[in-house]
PDB file of N, CA and C in Angstrom:
ATOM      1  N   MET A   1      -2.751   5.636  11.470  1.00  0.00           N
ATOM      2  CA  MET A   1      -2.055   6.086  10.291  1.00  0.00           C
ATOM      3  C   MET A   1      -3.007   5.975   9.103  1.00  0.00           C
ATOM      4  N   LYS A   2      -2.934   6.965   8.235  1.00  0.00           N
ATOM      5  CA  LYS A   2      -3.744   6.967   7.032  1.00  0.00           C
ATOM      6  C   LYS A   2      -2.818   6.765   5.839  1.00  0.00           C
ATOM      7  N   LEU A   3      -3.230   5.886   4.916  1.00  0.00           N
ATOM      8  CA  LEU A   3      -2.494   5.697   3.672  1.00  0.00           C
ATOM      9  C   LEU A   3      -3.314   6.243   2.524  1.00  0.00           C
ATOM     10  N   ILE A   4      -2.650   6.966   1.646  1.00  0.00           N
ATOM     11  CA  ILE A   4      -3.223   7.337   0.367  1.00  0.00           C
ATOM     12  C   ILE A   4      -2.552   6.400  -0.627  1.00  0.00           C
ATOM     13  N   ILE A   5      -3.327   5.486  -1.175  1.00  0.00           N
ATOM     14  CA  ILE A   5      -2.771   4.458  -2.046  1.00  0.00           C
ATOM     15  C   ILE A   5      -2.945   4.910  -3.491  1.00  0.00           C
ATOM     16  N   GLU A   6      -1.808   5.091  -4.163  1.00  0.00           N
ATOM     17  CA  GLU A   6      -1.796   5.574  -5.540  1.00  0.00           C
ATOM     18  C   GLU A   6      -1.490   4.398  -6.463  1.00  0.00           C
ATOM     19  N   PRO A   7      -2.390   4.093  -7.402  1.00  0.00           N
ATOM     20  CA  PRO A   7      -2.240   2.884  -8.207  1.00  0.00           C
ATOM     21  C   PRO A   7      -1.083   2.952  -9.207  1.00  0.00           C
ATOM     22  N   GLN A   8      -0.464   1.793  -9.401  1.00  0.00           N
ATOM     23  CA  GLN A   8       0.567   1.639 -10.421  1.00  0.00           C
ATOM     24  C   GLN A   8       0.506   0.206 -10.939  1.00  0.00           C
ATOM     25  N   GLU A   9       0.405   0.074 -12.241  1.00  0.00           N
ATOM     26  CA  GLU A   9       0.366  -1.250 -12.846  1.00  0.00           C
ATOM     27  C   GLU A   9       1.740  -1.903 -12.724  1.00  0.00           C
ATOM     28  N   SER A  10       1.749  -3.143 -12.232  1.00  0.00           N
ATOM     29  CA  SER A  10       3.013  -3.837 -12.017  1.00  0.00           C
ATOM     30  C   SER A  10       2.740  -5.292 -11.660  1.00  0.00           C
ATOM     31  N   SER A  11       3.759  -6.106 -11.836  1.00  0.00           N
ATOM     32  CA  SER A  11       3.663  -7.486 -11.358  1.00  0.00           C
ATOM     33  C   SER A  11       4.067  -7.575  -9.888  1.00  0.00           C
ATOM     34  N   LEU A  12       4.554  -6.476  -9.321  1.00  0.00           N
ATOM     35  CA  LEU A  12       4.931  -6.448  -7.908  1.00  0.00           C
ATOM     36  C   LEU A  12       3.678  -6.400  -7.034  1.00  0.00           C
ATOM     37  N   THR A  13       3.832  -6.810  -5.794  1.00  0.00           N
ATOM     38  CA  THR A  13       2.773  -6.658  -4.802  1.00  0.00           C
ATOM     39  C   THR A  13       3.390  -6.085  -3.536  1.00  0.00           C
ATOM     40  N   ALA A  14       2.593  -5.391  -2.772  1.00  0.00           N
ATOM     41  CA  ALA A  14       3.056  -4.831  -1.503  1.00  0.00           C
ATOM     42  C   ALA A  14       1.914  -4.894  -0.505  1.00  0.00           C
ATOM     43  N   SER A  15       2.268  -5.135   0.750  1.00  0.00           N
ATOM     44  CA  SER A  15       1.279  -5.051   1.824  1.00  0.00           C
ATOM     45  C   SER A  15       1.811  -4.083   2.865  1.00  0.00           C
ATOM     46  N   TYR A  16       0.891  -3.425   3.542  1.00  0.00           N
ATOM     47  CA  TYR A  16       1.228  -2.368   4.487  1.00  0.00           C
ATOM     48  C   TYR A  16       0.598  -2.648   5.837  1.00  0.00           C
ATOM     49  N   SER A  17       1.349  -2.370   6.891  1.00  0.00           N
ATOM     50  CA  SER A  17       0.806  -2.428   8.248  1.00  0.00           C
ATOM     51  C   SER A  17       1.471  -1.317   9.050  1.00  0.00           C
ATOM     52  N   ALA A  18       0.841  -0.948  10.141  1.00  0.00           N
ATOM     53  CA  ALA A  18       1.378   0.138  10.947  1.00  0.00           C
ATOM     54  C   ALA A  18       1.267  -0.193  12.419  1.00  0.00           C
ATOM     55  N   SER A  19       2.240   0.314  13.160  1.00  0.00           N
ATOM     56  CA  SER A  19       2.225   0.275  14.614  1.00  0.00           C
ATOM     57  C   SER A  19       2.663   1.656  15.074  1.00  0.00           C
ATOM     58  N   GLY A  20       1.708   2.417  15.568  1.00  0.00           N
ATOM     59  CA  GLY A  20       2.022   3.796  15.933  1.00  0.00           C
ATOM     60  C   GLY A  20       2.415   4.572  14.683  1.00  0.00           C
ATOM     61  N   ASN A  21       3.581   5.217  14.725  1.00  0.00           N
ATOM     62  CA  ASN A  21       4.064   6.015  13.602  1.00  0.00           C
ATOM     63  C   ASN A  21       5.075   5.260  12.745  1.00  0.00           C
ATOM     64  N   ILE A  22       5.075   3.948  12.859  1.00  0.00           N
ATOM     65  CA  ILE A  22       5.995   3.115  12.073  1.00  0.00           C
ATOM     66  C   ILE A  22       5.192   2.332  11.040  1.00  0.00           C
ATOM     67  N   LEU A  23       5.551   2.516   9.783  1.00  0.00           N
ATOM     68  CA  LEU A  23       4.919   1.815   8.673  1.00  0.00           C
ATOM     69  C   LEU A  23       5.814   0.656   8.262  1.00  0.00           C
ATOM     70  N   THR A  24       5.236  -0.529   8.143  1.00  0.00           N
ATOM     71  CA  THR A  24       5.963  -1.702   7.647  1.00  0.00           C
ATOM     72  C   THR A  24       5.437  -2.036   6.265  1.00  0.00           C
ATOM     73  N   VAL A  25       6.373  -2.198   5.331  1.00  0.00           N
ATOM     74  CA  VAL A  25       6.030  -2.572   3.962  1.00  0.00           C
ATOM     75  C   VAL A  25       6.639  -3.940   3.699  1.00  0.00           C
ATOM     76  N   SER A  26       5.823  -4.854   3.165  1.00  0.00           N
ATOM     77  CA  SER A  26       6.307  -6.188   2.799  1.00  0.00           C
ATOM     78  C   SER A  26       6.109  -6.395   1.308  1.00  0.00           C
ATOM     79  N   MET A  27       7.164  -6.877   0.666  1.00  0.00           N
ATOM     80  CA  MET A  27       7.127  -7.165  -0.765  1.00  0.00           C
ATOM     81  C   MET A  27       7.931  -8.437  -1.008  1.00  0.00           C
ATOM     82  N   GLY A  28       7.294  -9.433  -1.601  1.00  0.00           N
ATOM     83  CA  GLY A  28       7.999 -10.649  -1.969  1.00  0.00           C
ATOM     84  C   GLY A  28       8.700 -11.334  -0.815  1.00  0.00           C
ATOM     85  N   GLY A  29       8.093 -11.322   0.359  1.00  0.00           N
ATOM     86  CA  GLY A  29       8.687 -11.978   1.517  1.00  0.00           C
ATOM     87  C   GLY A  29       9.738 -11.160   2.239  1.00  0.00           C
ATOM     88  N   VAL A  30       9.989  -9.939   1.781  1.00  0.00           N
ATOM     89  CA  VAL A  30      10.967  -9.048   2.405  1.00  0.00           C
ATOM     90  C   VAL A  30      10.217  -7.849   2.973  1.00  0.00           C
ATOM     91  N   SER A  31      10.613  -7.406   4.158  1.00  0.00           N
ATOM     92  CA  SER A  31       9.952  -6.268   4.799  1.00  0.00           C
ATOM     93  C   SER A  31      10.952  -5.178   5.138  1.00  0.00           C
ATOM     94  N   ASP A  32      10.442  -3.963   5.195  1.00  0.00           N
ATOM     95  CA  ASP A  32      11.230  -2.825   5.660  1.00  0.00           C
ATOM     96  C   ASP A  32      10.290  -1.912   6.435  1.00  0.00           C
ATOM     97  N   THR A  33      10.844  -1.150   7.362  1.00  0.00           N
ATOM     98  CA  THR A  33      10.032  -0.246   8.169  1.00  0.00           C
ATOM     99  C   THR A  33      10.434   1.197   7.914  1.00  0.00           C
ATOM    100  N   PHE A  34       9.467   2.073   8.095  1.00  0.00           N
ATOM    101  CA  PHE A  34       9.662   3.503   7.936  1.00  0.00           C
ATOM    102  C   PHE A  34       9.115   4.168   9.188  1.00  0.00           C
ATOM    103  N   ASP A  35      10.007   4.771   9.970  1.00  0.00           N
ATOM    104  CA  ASP A  35       9.646   5.393  11.243  1.00  0.00           C
ATOM    105  C   ASP A  35       9.511   6.889  11.023  1.00  0.00           C
ATOM    106  N   PHE A  36       8.312   7.411  11.208  1.00  0.00           N
ATOM    107  CA  PHE A  36       8.053   8.814  10.977  1.00  0.00           C
ATOM    108  C   PHE A  36       8.275   9.673  12.221  1.00  0.00           C
ATOM    109  N   GLY A  37       8.777   9.061  13.290  1.00  0.00           N
ATOM    110  CA  GLY A  37       9.140   9.806  14.482  1.00  0.00           C
ATOM    111  C   GLY A  37       7.944  10.368  15.220  1.00  0.00           C
ATOM    112  N   THR A  38       8.192  11.461  15.922  1.00  0.00           N
ATOM    113  CA  THR A  38       7.147  12.045  16.757  1.00  0.00           C
ATOM    114  C   THR A  38       6.893  13.520  16.467  1.00  0.00           C
ATOM    115  N   GLU A  39       7.672  14.108  15.582  1.00  0.00           N
ATOM    116  CA  GLU A  39       7.539  15.536  15.280  1.00  0.00           C
ATOM    117  C   GLU A  39       6.700  15.755  14.029  1.00  0.00           C
ATOM    118  N   ASP A  40       5.821  16.773  14.075  1.00  0.00           N
ATOM    119  CA  ASP A  40       5.063  17.128  12.878  1.00  0.00           C
ATOM    120  C   ASP A  40       6.025  17.560  11.781  1.00  0.00           C
ATOM    121  N   GLY A  41       5.655  17.282  10.538  1.00  0.00           N
ATOM    122  CA  GLY A  41       6.486  17.680   9.413  1.00  0.00           C
ATOM    123  C   GLY A  41       6.097  16.952   8.139  1.00  0.00           C
ATOM    124  N   VAL A  42       6.829  17.277   7.070  1.00  0.00           N
ATOM    125  CA  VAL A  42       6.624  16.669   5.764  1.00  0.00           C
ATOM    126  C   VAL A  42       7.880  15.890   5.427  1.00  0.00           C
ATOM    127  N   PHE A  43       7.690  14.676   4.905  1.00  0.00           N
ATOM    128  CA  PHE A  43       8.804  13.792   4.585  1.00  0.00           C
ATOM    129  C   PHE A  43       8.701  13.405   3.113  1.00  0.00           C
ATOM    130  N   THR A  44       9.806  13.566   2.376  1.00  0.00           N
ATOM    131  CA  THR A  44       9.752  13.300   0.935  1.00  0.00           C
ATOM    132  C   THR A  44      10.897  12.431   0.426  1.00  0.00           C
ATOM    133  N   GLU A  45      11.875  12.160   1.227  1.00  0.00           N
ATOM    134  CA  GLU A  45      13.029  11.389   0.776  1.00  0.00           C
ATOM    135  C   GLU A  45      12.997  10.003   1.414  1.00  0.00           C
ATOM    136  N   PHE A  46      12.648   8.994   0.617  1.00  0.00           N
ATOM    137  CA  PHE A  46      12.585   7.633   1.137  1.00  0.00           C
ATOM    138  C   PHE A  46      13.404   6.714   0.253  1.00  0.00           C
ATOM    139  N   GLU A  47      14.022   5.749   0.884  1.00  0.00           N
ATOM    140  CA  GLU A  47      14.702   4.690   0.149  1.00  0.00           C
ATOM    141  C   GLU A  47      14.663   3.433   0.998  1.00  0.00           C
ATOM    142  N   SER A  48      14.815   2.314   0.324  1.00  0.00           N
ATOM    143  CA  SER A  48      14.824   1.042   1.023  1.00  0.00           C
ATOM    144  C   SER A  48      15.850   0.134   0.388  1.00  0.00           C
ATOM    145  N   PRO A  49      16.895  -0.195   1.140  1.00  0.00           N
ATOM    146  CA  PRO A  49      17.873  -1.151   0.602  1.00  0.00           C
ATOM    147  C   PRO A  49      17.335  -2.582   0.597  1.00  0.00           C
ATOM    148  N   GLU A  50      16.237  -2.810   1.293  1.00  0.00           N
ATOM    149  CA  GLU A  50      15.679  -4.155   1.420  1.00  0.00           C
ATOM    150  C   GLU A  50      14.694  -4.506   0.310  1.00  0.00           C
ATOM    151  N   LEU A  51      13.863  -3.547  -0.077  1.00  0.00           N
ATOM    152  CA  LEU A  51      12.777  -3.805  -1.016  1.00  0.00           C
ATOM    153  C   LEU A  51      13.226  -3.602  -2.461  1.00  0.00           C
ATOM    154  N   PRO A  52      12.573  -4.278  -3.422  1.00  0.00           N
ATOM    155  CA  PRO A  52      12.965  -4.108  -4.823  1.00  0.00           C
ATOM    156  C   PRO A  52      12.737  -2.679  -5.329  1.00  0.00           C
ATOM    157  N   VAL A  53      11.713  -2.013  -4.832  1.00  0.00           N
ATOM    158  CA  VAL A  53      11.456  -0.593  -5.062  1.00  0.00           C
ATOM    159  C   VAL A  53      10.892  -0.032  -3.762  1.00  0.00           C
ATOM    160  N   CYS A  54      11.043   1.257  -3.583  1.00  0.00           N
ATOM    161  CA  CYS A  54      10.485   1.883  -2.381  1.00  0.00           C
ATOM    162  C   CYS A  54       9.108   2.437  -2.731  1.00  0.00           C
ATOM    163  N   PRO A  55       8.038   1.834  -2.204  1.00  0.00           N
ATOM    164  CA  PRO A  55       6.699   2.289  -2.554  1.00  0.00           C
ATOM    165  C   PRO A  55       6.215   3.495  -1.745  1.00  0.00           C
ATOM    166  N   VAL A  56       6.998   3.957  -0.779  1.00  0.00           N
ATOM    167  CA  VAL A  56       6.594   5.122   0.009  1.00  0.00           C
ATOM    168  C   VAL A  56       7.022   6.367  -0.768  1.00  0.00           C
ATOM    169  N   GLN A  57       6.052   7.191  -1.139  1.00  0.00           N
ATOM    170  CA  GLN A  57       6.300   8.356  -1.975  1.00  0.00           C
ATOM    171  C   GLN A  57       6.508   9.639  -1.164  1.00  0.00           C
ATOM    172  N   ARG A  58       5.656   9.840  -0.190  1.00  0.00           N
ATOM    173  CA  ARG A  58       5.738  11.039   0.648  1.00  0.00           C
ATOM    174  C   ARG A  58       4.896  10.794   1.894  1.00  0.00           C
ATOM    175  N   ALA A  59       5.124  11.595   2.908  1.00  0.00           N
ATOM    176  CA  ALA A  59       4.355  11.461   4.144  1.00  0.00           C
ATOM    177  C   ALA A  59       4.335  12.802   4.852  1.00  0.00           C
ATOM    178  N   ALA A  60       3.353  12.960   5.704  1.00  0.00           N
ATOM    179  CA  ALA A  60       3.257  14.154   6.528  1.00  0.00           C
ATOM    180  C   ALA A  60       2.676  13.751   7.870  1.00  0.00           C
ATOM    181  N   MET A  61       3.155  14.425   8.904  1.00  0.00           N
ATOM    182  CA  MET A  61       2.579  14.234  10.229  1.00  0.00           C
ATOM    183  C   MET A  61       2.055  15.580  10.701  1.00  0.00           C
ATOM    184  N   ALA A  62       0.801  15.582  11.125  1.00  0.00           N
ATOM    185  CA  ALA A  62       0.179  16.781  11.672  1.00  0.00           C
ATOM    186  C   ALA A  62      -0.596  16.365  12.910  1.00  0.00           C
ATOM    187  N   ASP A  63      -0.334  17.047  13.994  1.00  0.00           N
ATOM    188  CA  ASP A  63      -0.992  16.746  15.266  1.00  0.00           C
ATOM    189  C   ASP A  63      -0.827  15.276  15.646  1.00  0.00           C
ATOM    190  N   GLY A  64       0.341  14.709  15.316  1.00  0.00           N
ATOM    191  CA  GLY A  64       0.652  13.336  15.690  1.00  0.00           C
ATOM    192  C   GLY A  64       0.051  12.271  14.791  1.00  0.00           C
ATOM    193  N   VAL A  65      -0.641  12.666  13.729  1.00  0.00           N
ATOM    194  CA  VAL A  65      -1.253  11.708  12.804  1.00  0.00           C
ATOM    195  C   VAL A  65      -0.455  11.678  11.510  1.00  0.00           C
ATOM    196  N   VAL A  66      -0.032  10.474  11.114  1.00  0.00           N
ATOM    197  CA  VAL A  66       0.748  10.302   9.888  1.00  0.00           C
ATOM    198  C   VAL A  66      -0.190   9.990   8.733  1.00  0.00           C
ATOM    199  N   THR A  67       0.027  10.702   7.628  1.00  0.00           N
ATOM    200  CA  THR A  67      -0.623  10.387   6.357  1.00  0.00           C
ATOM    201  C   THR A  67       0.493  10.119   5.367  1.00  0.00           C
ATOM    202  N   ALA A  68       0.529   8.898   4.822  1.00  0.00           N
ATOM    203  CA  ALA A  68       1.595   8.506   3.902  1.00  0.00           C
ATOM    204  C   ALA A  68       1.003   8.143   2.553  1.00  0.00           C
ATOM    205  N   ALA A  69       1.624   8.635   1.490  1.00  0.00           N
ATOM    206  CA  ALA A  69       1.244   8.261   0.128  1.00  0.00           C
ATOM    207  C   ALA A  69       2.142   7.113  -0.297  1.00  0.00           C
ATOM    208  N   VAL A  70       1.516   6.016  -0.712  1.00  0.00           N
ATOM    209  CA  VAL A  70       2.253   4.812  -1.098  1.00  0.00           C
ATOM    210  C   VAL A  70       1.727   4.305  -2.430  1.00  0.00           C
ATOM    211  N   ILE A  71       2.534   3.464  -3.079  1.00  0.00           N
ATOM    212  CA  ILE A  71       2.110   2.848  -4.330  1.00  0.00           C
ATOM    213  C   ILE A  71       1.249   1.627  -4.023  1.00  0.00           C
ATOM    214  N   GLY A  72       0.149   1.531  -4.722  1.00  0.00           N
ATOM    215  CA  GLY A  72      -0.702   0.345  -4.673  1.00  0.00           C
ATOM    216  C   GLY A  72      -0.566  -0.391  -5.995  1.00  0.00           C
ATOM    217  N   PHE A  73       0.207  -1.439  -6.007  1.00  0.00           N
ATOM    218  CA  PHE A  73       0.455  -2.174  -7.243  1.00  0.00           C
ATOM    219  C   PHE A  73      -0.772  -2.998  -7.627  1.00  0.00           C
ATOM    220  N   TYR A  74      -1.046  -3.068  -8.923  1.00  0.00           N
ATOM    221  CA  TYR A  74      -2.134  -3.917  -9.414  1.00  0.00           C
ATOM    222  C   TYR A  74      -1.713  -4.550 -10.734  1.00  0.00           C
ATOM    223  N   THR A  75      -2.251  -5.722 -11.019  1.00  0.00           N
ATOM    224  CA  THR A  75      -1.931  -6.418 -12.262  1.00  0.00           C
ATOM    225  C   THR A  75      -2.764  -5.833 -13.402  1.00  0.00           C
ATOM    226  N   PRO A  76      -2.237  -5.870 -14.617  1.00  0.00           N
ATOM    227  CA  PRO A  76      -2.965  -5.256 -15.742  1.00  0.00           C
ATOM    228  C   PRO A  76      -4.199  -6.035 -16.177  1.00  0.00           C
ATOM    229  N   THR A  77      -4.253  -7.305 -15.871  1.00  0.00           N
ATOM    230  CA  THR A  77      -5.403  -8.110 -16.289  1.00  0.00           C
ATOM    231  C   THR A  77      -6.247  -8.488 -15.082  1.00  0.00           C
ATOM    232  N   PRO A  78      -7.555  -8.520 -15.265  1.00  0.00           N
ATOM    233  CA  PRO A  78      -8.415  -8.880 -14.139  1.00  0.00           C
ATOM    234  C   PRO A  78      -8.229 -10.345 -13.760  1.00  0.00           C
ATOM    235  N   PRO A  79      -8.563 -10.684 -12.526  1.00  0.00           N
ATOM    236  CA  PRO A  79      -8.455 -12.084 -12.113  1.00  0.00           C
ATOM    237  C   PRO A  79      -9.456 -12.942 -12.885  1.00  0.00           C
ATOM    238  N   GLU A  80      -9.109 -14.219 -13.009  1.00  0.00           N
ATOM    239  CA  GLU A  80     -10.015 -15.175 -13.641  1.00  0.00           C
ATOM    240  C   GLU A  80     -10.724 -15.971 -12.553  1.00  0.00           C
ATOM    241  N   LYS A  81     -11.929 -16.386 -12.879  1.00  0.00           N
ATOM    242  CA  LYS A  81     -12.723 -17.156 -11.918  1.00  0.00           C
ATOM    243  C   LYS A  81     -12.162 -18.566 -11.803  1.00  0.00           C
ATOM    244  N   ALA A  82     -11.914 -18.981 -10.574  1.00  0.00           N
ATOM    245  CA  ALA A  82     -11.449 -20.347 -10.309  1.00  0.00           C
ATOM    246  C   ALA A  82     -12.624 -21.304 -10.445  1.00  0.00           C
ATOM    247  N   ASP A  83     -12.338 -22.532 -10.830  1.00  0.00           N
ATOM    248  CA  ASP A  83     -13.391 -23.530 -11.034  1.00  0.00           C
ATOM    249  C   ASP A  83     -14.238 -23.750  -9.788  1.00  0.00           C
ATOM    250  N   ASP A  84     -13.607 -23.717  -8.622  1.00  0.00           N
ATOM    251  CA  ASP A  84     -14.333 -23.991  -7.383  1.00  0.00           C
ATOM    252  C   ASP A  84     -14.777 -22.719  -6.650  1.00  0.00           C
ATOM    253  N   GLU A  85     -14.692 -21.586  -7.313  1.00  0.00           N
ATOM    254  CA  GLU A  85     -15.020 -20.308  -6.691  1.00  0.00           C
ATOM    255  C   GLU A  85     -16.494 -19.968  -6.923  1.00  0.00           C
ATOM    256  N   THR A  86     -17.145 -19.480  -5.888  1.00  0.00           N
ATOM    257  CA  THR A  86     -18.538 -19.059  -6.043  1.00  0.00           C
ATOM    258  C   THR A  86     -18.588 -17.742  -6.807  1.00  0.00           C
ATOM    259  N   ASP A  87     -19.735 -17.476  -7.395  1.00  0.00           N
ATOM    260  CA  ASP A  87     -19.916 -16.211  -8.109  1.00  0.00           C
ATOM    261  C   ASP A  87     -19.716 -15.027  -7.170  1.00  0.00           C
ATOM    262  N   GLN A  88     -20.196 -15.160  -5.940  1.00  0.00           N
ATOM    263  CA  GLN A  88     -20.064 -14.078  -4.965  1.00  0.00           C
ATOM    264  C   GLN A  88     -18.595 -13.835  -4.612  1.00  0.00           C
ATOM    265  N   ASP A  89     -17.835 -14.893  -4.376  1.00  0.00           N
ATOM    266  CA  ASP A  89     -16.413 -14.731  -4.064  1.00  0.00           C
ATOM    267  C   ASP A  89     -15.658 -14.129  -5.240  1.00  0.00           C
ATOM    268  N   PHE A  90     -16.000 -14.548  -6.446  1.00  0.00           N
ATOM    269  CA  PHE A  90     -15.353 -13.997  -7.633  1.00  0.00           C
ATOM    270  C   PHE A  90     -15.677 -12.515  -7.783  1.00  0.00           C
ATOM    271  N   LYS A  91     -16.929 -12.146  -7.537  1.00  0.00           N
ATOM    272  CA  LYS A  91     -17.298 -10.734  -7.613  1.00  0.00           C
ATOM    273  C   LYS A  91     -16.502  -9.898  -6.618  1.00  0.00           C
ATOM    274  N   VAL A  92     -16.289 -10.425  -5.423  1.00  0.00           N
ATOM    275  CA  VAL A  92     -15.484  -9.717  -4.424  1.00  0.00           C
ATOM    276  C   VAL A  92     -14.073  -9.471  -4.966  1.00  0.00           C
ATOM    277  N   ARG A  93     -13.472 -10.504  -5.568  1.00  0.00           N
ATOM    278  CA  ARG A  93     -12.119 -10.349  -6.111  1.00  0.00           C
ATOM    279  C   ARG A  93     -12.080  -9.358  -7.276  1.00  0.00           C
ATOM    280  N   ILE A  94     -13.097  -9.386  -8.135  1.00  0.00           N
ATOM    281  CA  ILE A  94     -13.167  -8.420  -9.245  1.00  0.00           C
ATOM    282  C   ILE A  94     -13.317  -6.998  -8.695  1.00  0.00           C
ATOM    283  N   ASP A  95     -14.187  -6.829  -7.702  1.00  0.00           N
ATOM    284  CA  ASP A  95     -14.380  -5.512  -7.096  1.00  0.00           C
ATOM    285  C   ASP A  95     -13.082  -5.010  -6.459  1.00  0.00           C
ATOM    286  N   GLU A  96     -12.335  -5.894  -5.793  1.00  0.00           N
ATOM    287  CA  GLU A  96     -11.057  -5.502  -5.195  1.00  0.00           C
ATOM    288  C   GLU A  96     -10.052  -5.091  -6.269  1.00  0.00           C
ATOM    289  N   TRP A  97     -10.006  -5.834  -7.374  1.00  0.00           N
ATOM    290  CA  TRP A  97      -9.097  -5.504  -8.460  1.00  0.00           C
ATOM    291  C   TRP A  97      -9.465  -4.152  -9.069  1.00  0.00           C
ATOM    292  N   THR A  98     -10.763  -3.927  -9.282  1.00  0.00           N
ATOM    293  CA  THR A  98     -11.217  -2.655  -9.835  1.00  0.00           C
ATOM    294  C   THR A  98     -10.853  -1.498  -8.903  1.00  0.00           C
ATOM    295  N   ALA A  99     -11.061  -1.682  -7.613  1.00  0.00           N
ATOM    296  CA  ALA A  99     -10.722  -0.639  -6.631  1.00  0.00           C
ATOM    297  C   ALA A  99      -9.224  -0.386  -6.593  1.00  0.00           C
ATOM    298  N   SER A 100      -8.420  -1.421  -6.840  1.00  0.00           N
ATOM    299  CA  SER A 100      -6.964  -1.257  -6.764  1.00  0.00           C
ATOM    300  C   SER A 100      -6.431  -0.337  -7.846  1.00  0.00           C
ATOM    301  N   LYS A 101      -7.239  -0.037  -8.857  1.00  0.00           N
ATOM    302  CA  LYS A 101      -6.817   0.844  -9.940  1.00  0.00           C
ATOM    303  C   LYS A 101      -7.215   2.296  -9.682  1.00  0.00           C
ATOM    304  N   GLN A 102      -7.747   2.587  -8.500  1.00  0.00           N
ATOM    305  CA  GLN A 102      -8.194   3.931  -8.132  1.00  0.00           C
ATOM    306  C   GLN A 102      -7.385   4.443  -6.943  1.00  0.00           C
ATOM    307  N   VAL A 103      -7.162   5.745  -6.881  1.00  0.00           N
ATOM    308  CA  VAL A 103      -6.566   6.341  -5.682  1.00  0.00           C
ATOM    309  C   VAL A 103      -7.568   6.160  -4.556  1.00  0.00           C
ATOM    310  N   ARG A 104      -7.097   5.698  -3.414  1.00  0.00           N
ATOM    311  CA  ARG A 104      -8.005   5.497  -2.292  1.00  0.00           C
ATOM    312  C   ARG A 104      -7.279   5.793  -0.981  1.00  0.00           C
ATOM    313  N   GLU A 105      -8.043   6.111   0.025  1.00  0.00           N
ATOM    314  CA  GLU A 105      -7.513   6.362   1.359  1.00  0.00           C
ATOM    315  C   GLU A 105      -8.000   5.276   2.304  1.00  0.00           C
ATOM    316  N   VAL A 106      -7.080   4.782   3.107  1.00  0.00           N
ATOM    317  CA  VAL A 106      -7.435   3.758   4.102  1.00  0.00           C
ATOM    318  C   VAL A 106      -6.747   4.092   5.420  1.00  0.00           C
ATOM    319  N   ASP A 107      -7.390   3.718   6.499  1.00  0.00           N
ATOM    320  CA  ASP A 107      -6.778   3.835   7.825  1.00  0.00           C
ATOM    321  C   ASP A 107      -6.237   2.477   8.190  1.00  0.00           C
ATOM    322  N   ILE A 108      -4.990   2.442   8.630  1.00  0.00           N
ATOM    323  CA  ILE A 108      -4.405   1.168   9.072  1.00  0.00           C
ATOM    324  C   ILE A 108      -3.903   1.297  10.485  1.00  0.00           C
TER     325      ILE A 108
END
């Protein structure tokens, strides 16, 4: 499954995982699944009674491959360096935060 992660500033966080054509979204200790079935098509109507907001925006399946557009939440302020954190580890976290503000594609 391919995710197109579209950034949105928020205090919310979400994590995504997939098993076959089923996408699992976890937010704040609560999870919901989205089953895209087995037929090619475009999907645009999503809701989740479990999650505080539904981060799945749209999806399409072509030749059995799902591509889903989801929200990638990021905080408005960059992370601060922890006292016991190495410069290299801090740079990794800054780079991740910077990337979270860009549209990106990932395979999961």
